[in-house]
C-alpha cells in the first residue's frame, strides 16, 4: 500500500458483495434494455395511440389536451405494468421456448420478485393517477382490465 491511499478499495468484495453477486452486476445500459423489453414499448405506444384517437373522436365540447395527457400517463403506466406482469406470469413457459428463453426474466437478468413488484407498482400507480386526475370510472374500468 502506498502512503495516503485508503486501506480498502472500491472493488465488489470491499462493498460487502461476494464473488457470486458481483458477477451478476449488469451494466446500466444493459439493465435499461432489459426493462424496456419488459415494458413492451411498441404495444404501449399502440395502446396510447388508441387512447388518443378515442379521446379525440369521443370528446364532447372542446378538446382538453391536459385531460388527454392525464389519461395517457395513467393508461400508459397501466399498459406497461400489465406487460411486465404478463411476462412475470409467463416466465416459466418462456424459459422452455427457444424463441423466448433469452428474455430478461427467463434468462435471470431480472428477478421474478423485482418484475412482480415493478408491474404491480406501475399498474397501481396508473390506476391511482386515473382516479385522481381523470375520473373514478376510468380508474375502476382500468383496474378491472388489470385483474383480467
C-alpha atoms as a PDB file:
ATOM      1  CA  UNK A   1       0.000   0.000   0.000  1.00  0.00           C
ATOM      2  CA  UNK A   2       1.329   3.405  -0.809  1.00  0.00           C
ATOM      3  CA  UNK A   3       1.110   6.271   1.649  1.00  0.00           C
ATOM      4  CA  UNK A   4      -2.002   8.418   1.509  1.00  0.00           C
ATOM      5  CA  UNK A   5      -4.233   5.754  -0.088  1.00  0.00           C
ATOM      6  CA  UNK A   6      -7.089   4.232   1.862  1.00  0.00           C
ATOM      7  CA  UNK A   7      -6.603   0.681   3.024  1.00  0.00           C
ATOM      8  CA  UNK A   8      -9.767  -0.544   1.297  1.00  0.00           C
ATOM      9  CA  UNK A   9     -10.557  -0.298  -2.362  1.00  0.00           C
ATOM     10  CA  UNK A  10     -13.901   0.030  -4.040  1.00  0.00           C
ATOM     11  CA  UNK A  11     -13.977  -3.433  -5.500  1.00  0.00           C
ATOM     12  CA  UNK A  12     -17.061  -5.616  -5.059  1.00  0.00           C
ATOM     13  CA  UNK A  13     -15.590  -7.519  -2.107  1.00  0.00           C
ATOM     14  CA  UNK A  14     -14.979  -4.293  -0.159  1.00  0.00           C
ATOM     15  CA  UNK A  15     -18.609  -3.287  -0.735  1.00  0.00           C
ATOM     16  CA  UNK A  16     -19.862  -6.388   1.039  1.00  0.00           C
ATOM     17  CA  UNK A  17     -20.604  -8.354  -2.130  1.00  0.00           C
ATOM     18  CA  UNK A  18     -19.379 -11.867  -2.607  1.00  0.00           C
ATOM     19  CA  UNK A  19     -17.937 -13.197  -5.840  1.00  0.00           C
ATOM     20  CA  UNK A  20     -21.250 -14.710  -6.980  1.00  0.00           C
ATOM     21  CA  UNK A  21     -23.236 -11.495  -6.569  1.00  0.00           C
ATOM     22  CA  UNK A  22     -20.522  -9.309  -8.104  1.00  0.00           C
ATOM     23  CA  UNK A  23     -20.635 -11.410 -11.253  1.00  0.00           C
ATOM     24  CA  UNK A  24     -24.357 -10.637 -11.569  1.00  0.00           C
ATOM     25  CA  UNK A  25     -23.832  -6.873 -11.637  1.00  0.00           C
ATOM     26  CA  UNK A  26     -25.063  -5.726 -15.038  1.00  0.00           C
ATOM     27  CA  UNK A  27     -24.021  -2.505 -16.777  1.00  0.00           C
ATOM     28  CA  UNK A  28     -26.687   0.191 -16.602  1.00  0.00           C
ATOM     29  CA  UNK A  29     -27.330   0.269 -20.356  1.00  0.00           C
ATOM     30  CA  UNK A  30     -27.990  -3.474 -20.473  1.00  0.00           C
ATOM     31  CA  UNK A  31     -30.267  -3.213 -17.452  1.00  0.00           C
ATOM     32  CA  UNK A  32     -32.253  -0.413 -19.101  1.00  0.00           C
ATOM     33  CA  UNK A  33     -32.609  -2.522 -22.256  1.00  0.00           C
ATOM     34  CA  UNK A  34     -33.983  -5.362 -20.142  1.00  0.00           C
ATOM     35  CA  UNK A  35     -36.522  -3.043 -18.519  1.00  0.00           C
ATOM     36  CA  UNK A  36     -37.507  -1.730 -21.946  1.00  0.00           C
ATOM     37  CA  UNK A  37     -38.011  -5.330 -23.084  1.00  0.00           C
ATOM     38  CA  UNK A  38     -40.294  -5.944 -20.107  1.00  0.00           C
ATOM     39  CA  UNK A  39     -42.226  -2.748 -20.879  1.00  0.00           C
ATOM     40  CA  UNK A  40     -43.062  -3.848 -24.445  1.00  0.00           C
ATOM     41  CA  UNK A  41     -42.956  -0.245 -25.721  1.00  0.00           C
ATOM     42  CA  UNK A  42     -44.459  -0.993 -29.143  1.00  0.00           C
ATOM     43  CA  UNK A  43     -47.578  -2.420 -27.511  1.00  0.00           C
ATOM     44  CA  UNK A  44     -47.752   0.511 -25.073  1.00  0.00           C
ATOM     45  CA  UNK A  45     -47.476   3.004 -27.936  1.00  0.00           C
ATOM     46  CA  UNK A  46     -50.298   1.249 -29.797  1.00  0.00           C
ATOM     47  CA  UNK A  47     -52.443   1.465 -26.662  1.00  0.00           C
ATOM     48  CA  UNK A  48     -51.648   5.172 -26.267  1.00  0.00           C
ATOM     49  CA  UNK A  49     -52.467   5.907 -29.909  1.00  0.00           C
ATOM     50  CA  UNK A  50     -55.787   4.140 -29.456  1.00  0.00           C
ATOM     51  CA  UNK A  51     -56.482   6.204 -26.321  1.00  0.00           C
ATOM     52  CA  UNK A  52     -55.613   9.462 -28.085  1.00  0.00           C
ATOM     53  CA  UNK A  53     -57.761   8.679 -31.126  1.00  0.00           C
ATOM     54  CA  UNK A  54     -60.622   7.514 -28.930  1.00  0.00           C
ATOM     55  CA  UNK A  55     -60.396  10.682 -26.854  1.00  0.00           C
ATOM     56  CA  UNK A  56     -60.308  12.924 -29.944  1.00  0.00           C
ATOM     57  CA  UNK A  57     -63.281  11.167 -31.524  1.00  0.00           C
ATOM     58  CA  UNK A  58     -65.304  10.864 -28.334  1.00  0.00           C
ATOM     59  CA  UNK A  59     -64.661  14.154 -26.582  1.00  0.00           C
ATOM     60  CA  UNK A  60     -67.712  16.297 -26.068  1.00  0.00           C
ATOM     61  CA  UNK A  61     -67.239  20.004 -26.397  1.00  0.00           C
ATOM     62  CA  UNK A  62     -63.735  21.355 -26.563  1.00  0.00           C
ATOM     63  CA  UNK A  63     -60.630  19.204 -26.819  1.00  0.00           C
ATOM     64  CA  UNK A  64     -58.734  19.315 -23.484  1.00  0.00           C
ATOM     65  CA  UNK A  65     -55.059  18.397 -24.004  1.00  0.00           C
ATOM     66  CA  UNK A  66     -54.396  18.334 -20.236  1.00  0.00           C
ATOM     67  CA  UNK A  67     -57.142  15.751 -19.699  1.00  0.00           C
ATOM     68  CA  UNK A  68     -55.739  13.704 -22.573  1.00  0.00           C
ATOM     69  CA  UNK A  69     -52.239  13.913 -21.090  1.00  0.00           C
ATOM     70  CA  UNK A  70     -53.520  12.662 -17.727  1.00  0.00           C
ATOM     71  CA  UNK A  71     -55.313   9.788 -19.443  1.00  0.00           C
ATOM     72  CA  UNK A  72     -52.159   8.904 -21.399  1.00  0.00           C
ATOM     73  CA  UNK A  73     -49.972   8.912 -18.269  1.00  0.00           C
ATOM     74  CA  UNK A  74     -52.372   6.712 -16.323  1.00  0.00           C
ATOM     75  CA  UNK A  75     -53.243   4.270 -19.082  1.00  0.00           C
ATOM     76  CA  UNK A  76     -49.637   4.151 -20.286  1.00  0.00           C
ATOM     77  CA  UNK A  77     -48.451   3.226 -16.789  1.00  0.00           C
ATOM     78  CA  UNK A  78     -51.077   0.508 -16.535  1.00  0.00           C
ATOM     79  CA  UNK A  79     -50.225  -0.826 -20.014  1.00  0.00           C
ATOM     80  CA  UNK A  80     -46.529  -1.092 -19.164  1.00  0.00           C
ATOM     81  CA  UNK A  81     -47.331  -2.611 -15.769  1.00  0.00           C
ATOM     82  CA  UNK A  82     -49.539  -5.227 -17.430  1.00  0.00           C
ATOM     83  CA  UNK A  83     -46.797  -6.087 -19.911  1.00  0.00           C
ATOM     84  CA  UNK A  84     -44.376  -6.660 -17.040  1.00  0.00           C
ATOM     85  CA  UNK A  85     -46.933  -8.740 -15.123  1.00  0.00           C
ATOM     86  CA  UNK A  86     -47.708 -10.791 -18.232  1.00  0.00           C
ATOM     87  CA  UNK A  87     -44.040 -11.659 -18.620  1.00  0.00           C
ATOM     88  CA  UNK A  88     -43.890 -12.487 -14.901  1.00  0.00           C
ATOM     89  CA  UNK A  89     -46.807 -14.934 -15.324  1.00  0.00           C
ATOM     90  CA  UNK A  90     -45.243 -16.473 -18.445  1.00  0.00           C
ATOM     91  CA  UNK A  91     -41.624 -16.677 -17.233  1.00  0.00           C
ATOM     92  CA  UNK A  92     -41.554 -20.463 -16.764  1.00  0.00           C
ATOM     93  CA  UNK A  93     -43.156 -21.141 -20.137  1.00  0.00           C
ATOM     94  CA  UNK A  94     -40.844 -18.580 -21.744  1.00  0.00           C
ATOM     95  CA  UNK A  95     -37.839 -20.395 -20.262  1.00  0.00           C
ATOM     96  CA  UNK A  96     -38.831 -23.579 -22.139  1.00  0.00           C
ATOM     97  CA  UNK A  97     -39.314 -21.949 -25.536  1.00  0.00           C
ATOM     98  CA  UNK A  98     -36.342 -21.249 -27.785  1.00  0.00           C
ATOM     99  CA  UNK A  99     -37.913 -18.010 -29.089  1.00  0.00           C
ATOM    100  CA  UNK A 100     -38.436 -16.538 -25.584  1.00  0.00           C
ATOM    101  CA  UNK A 101     -35.756 -18.138 -23.424  1.00  0.00           C
ATOM    102  CA  UNK A 102     -33.459 -15.109 -23.709  1.00  0.00           C
ATOM    103  CA  UNK A 103     -35.997 -12.615 -22.351  1.00  0.00           C
ATOM    104  CA  UNK A 104     -34.912 -10.871 -19.133  1.00  0.00           C
ATOM    105  CA  UNK A 105     -36.969 -12.988 -16.702  1.00  0.00           C
ATOM    106  CA  UNK A 106     -36.296 -16.497 -18.014  1.00  0.00           C
ATOM    107  CA  UNK A 107     -32.630 -15.622 -18.578  1.00  0.00           C
ATOM    108  CA  UNK A 108     -32.379 -14.447 -14.958  1.00  0.00           C
ATOM    109  CA  UNK A 109     -31.223 -10.911 -15.771  1.00  0.00           C
ATOM    110  CA  UNK A 110     -34.203  -9.511 -13.877  1.00  0.00           C
ATOM    111  CA  UNK A 111     -35.552 -11.344 -10.849  1.00  0.00           C
ATOM    112  CA  UNK A 112     -39.122 -12.577 -10.607  1.00  0.00           C
ATOM    113  CA  UNK A 113     -39.820 -10.624  -7.413  1.00  0.00           C
ATOM    114  CA  UNK A 114     -38.423  -7.447  -8.950  1.00  0.00           C
ATOM    115  CA  UNK A 115     -40.661  -7.841 -12.013  1.00  0.00           C
ATOM    116  CA  UNK A 116     -43.729  -8.627  -9.903  1.00  0.00           C
ATOM    117  CA  UNK A 117     -43.172  -5.548  -7.744  1.00  0.00           C
ATOM    118  CA  UNK A 118     -42.475  -3.325 -10.747  1.00  0.00           C
ATOM    119  CA  UNK A 119     -45.523  -4.485 -12.694  1.00  0.00           C
ATOM    120  CA  UNK A 120     -47.805  -4.181  -9.681  1.00  0.00           C
ATOM    121  CA  UNK A 121     -46.460  -0.741  -8.768  1.00  0.00           C
ATOM    122  CA  UNK A 122     -46.910   0.569 -12.317  1.00  0.00           C
ATOM    123  CA  UNK A 123     -50.452  -0.786 -12.587  1.00  0.00           C
ATOM    124  CA  UNK A 124     -51.449   0.642  -9.197  1.00  0.00           C
ATOM    125  CA  UNK A 125     -49.769   3.984  -9.916  1.00  0.00           C
ATOM    126  CA  UNK A 126     -51.586   4.274 -13.245  1.00  0.00           C
ATOM    127  CA  UNK A 127     -54.913   3.373 -11.667  1.00  0.00           C
ATOM    128  CA  UNK A 128     -54.419   5.905  -8.859  1.00  0.00           C
ATOM    129  CA  UNK A 129     -53.386   8.547 -11.417  1.00  0.00           C
ATOM    130  CA  UNK A 130     -56.548   7.935 -13.429  1.00  0.00           C
ATOM    131  CA  UNK A 131     -58.694   8.097 -10.289  1.00  0.00           C
ATOM    132  CA  UNK A 132     -57.050  11.340  -9.198  1.00  0.00           C
ATOM    133  CA  UNK A 133     -56.733  13.219 -12.492  1.00  0.00           C
ATOM    134  CA  UNK A 134     -59.219  11.687 -14.951  1.00  0.00           C
ATOM    135  CA  UNK A 135     -62.228  10.165 -13.185  1.00  0.00           C
ATOM    136  CA  UNK A 136     -63.102   7.271 -10.866  1.00  0.00           C
ATOM    137  CA  UNK A 137     -64.981   5.312 -13.558  1.00  0.00           C
ATOM    138  CA  UNK A 138     -61.930   5.213 -15.838  1.00  0.00           C
ATOM    139  CA  UNK A 139     -59.803   4.092 -12.883  1.00  0.00           C
ATOM    140  CA  UNK A 140     -62.239   1.293 -11.965  1.00  0.00           C
ATOM    141  CA  UNK A 141     -62.545   0.075 -15.554  1.00  0.00           C
ATOM    142  CA  UNK A 142     -58.767   0.098 -15.959  1.00  0.00           C
ATOM    143  CA  UNK A 143     -58.290  -1.793 -12.694  1.00  0.00           C
ATOM    144  CA  UNK A 144     -60.826  -4.333 -13.934  1.00  0.00           C
ATOM    145  CA  UNK A 145     -58.762  -4.790 -17.091  1.00  0.00           C
ATOM    146  CA  UNK A 146     -55.640  -5.343 -14.965  1.00  0.00           C
ATOM    147  CA  UNK A 147     -57.410  -8.020 -12.949  1.00  0.00           C
ATOM    148  CA  UNK A 148     -58.367  -9.972 -16.042  1.00  0.00           C
END
